[in-house]
Amino acid sequence: MDKKNELYQQNLLLLKIMWLITVIGVVFLLYRSAPVIMITGFTITCLIVNILLTFLMWKNILTQYIQYFIIVGLSVLAWLLISTSNSFYSYLILFANLVLIALYTNYWPTLIMGISNLIIVNSLLGGIGRNNLLIIDLYLVLITVLVLTQTHLRIKIQRRIDEKHQQVIKTEKEKESLLEEIMTTVKELSNFNSSLKENIKVTDRISSEVTKAFTDIAKGIEDQAHSVNEINESARSSNHNVRALASASNEMLNLSNKTVNATSKGNEQVDLLDTKMQDVDQIINESVDLINRLNEQAQQIGDIVETINNIAKQTNLLALNAAIEAARAGEAGQGFAVVADEIRELAEDSHRSTDKIASILQDIKAKTGQVTEQINIGHDAVLSSKNSTEEVKRVFKEIDDNTKNVVEQAQYLEESVRGLEKESQAIVEEISSISSIIEETSASVEEVLAGSEEQTNKVKNIVESFKQLDKLINKLQSLTKGGS
């Protein structure tokens, strides 16, 4: 379509030139004072040719062949102008025709125009001599060859221009296709970025909440560790008193070593109590949550302290009974009365220590109240242990009622003190274990807290990076919109 339009424009230009040549020819003939009949014939012939070509151009008929009609028209105009003017200068129109036809980037119109010029020259100048005619023919041939060479160069240049034009069109199409793909990719990237940005925001919020939660947990564990250390110190002091009480009880046992059989049933109940305490210890050891274990063992310690307190009361009562029996015995029981007074004092010290431990336990229960909502695993075992303890108290009450002499009371006291010593030692060991567990838990929580804080910082860095990515995507969208 472009080549056809280009050919049409070339035809139109040459048609205008033909009209111009017609006018110039008429003016030239008038200037030369040519005969009227020649001027009229030239004018009519030129008008017929020009009008015919104009009609073909107007109707857009035979567009590809109009160039050959123009060659015929130019040849006719040249022949008429030369034949009517009888001027040597009129032959210049032949060279002008070659130049005009060279506007067509085609070999054939130029070649035909050159042949037509040779025919015109040889038909009109046959009488000037063979040599002169040959020279003119050579000039025409030379000029025709030059014009053909020029046409050849123009064709090559035009082909290169067409190839470049096609490459430009192809590149433009590829650019448009690439731009569409980039716009599609940018749109998908923008959607993905929006979704991912929301996820990053949620992750940032969750990470901050986790860090805050671990900070609170670390603070709570630190408070618990402080309370457990206080309990540990109190338990060690109580254990020291219990050992002193055991030593005094052993002295009393040496005075009443013949009363072992009378307290065998009480010893069995103490063994049962020890078994139940072992059940509680097993439940505590199986606890998964370290904080739950702390709470359960605190409960266990409370029960044990209650038992120690009861035993201390019973010991005090037994010591009082022993003192009464010693008073009845007179001088023979003075040594036994001294031992009974010492046991009573140790029992009172144990009672004060257990009161202090109970006070500290109340404090740690208050501090761990916020994290012990689900710690109820060992409740049944503790209740069972309390029942066994009550059974021990009942048995020892029976022993107290049935014991008629100091020997039997001393045996009962020995067994009770031995059990108390074991439980006191167990309390110290359990508290030490709890303290170690809390320290390990605190260290683990500190590590997790440090990792959580580092993760929070990284998430914040990711959020900042995605903000920059969002700016780049918006800029890329603006560029793609501007490119489209």
Foldseek 3Di string as FASTA:
>chain_A
DVVLVVLLVLLVVLLVVLVVLLVVLLVVCVVLVFDPVLSVVLNVLSVVLSVVLVVCSVVVHPSVCSLVSSLVSLLVNLLSSCVGRVDPVSLVSLLVSLVSSLVPLDLVSLVVSLVSSLVSLCVPVVPPDDVVNVVVNVVSVVSSVVSSVVSVVVVVVVVVVVVVVVVVVVVVVVVVVVLVVLLVVLVVVLVVLVVVLVVLVVVLVVLVVVLVVLVVVLVLLVVLLVLLVVLLVLLVVLLVLLVVLLVLLVVLCVVQVVQQVLCVVLLVLLVVLVVLLVVLVVLLVPDPDLLLSVLSLLVVVLLLLVLLLVLLVVLLVLLVVLLVQLVVVPPVSPVVNVSSVVSNVSSVVSNVSSVVSNVSSVVSCVSCVVPNPPNCRSVVSSVVSVVSSVVSVVVVVVQVVPDDHSSNSSSSNNSSSVSSSVVSVVSSVVSVVSSVSSVVVSVVSVVVSVVSVVVSVVSVVVSVVSVVVSVVSVVSSVVSVVVD
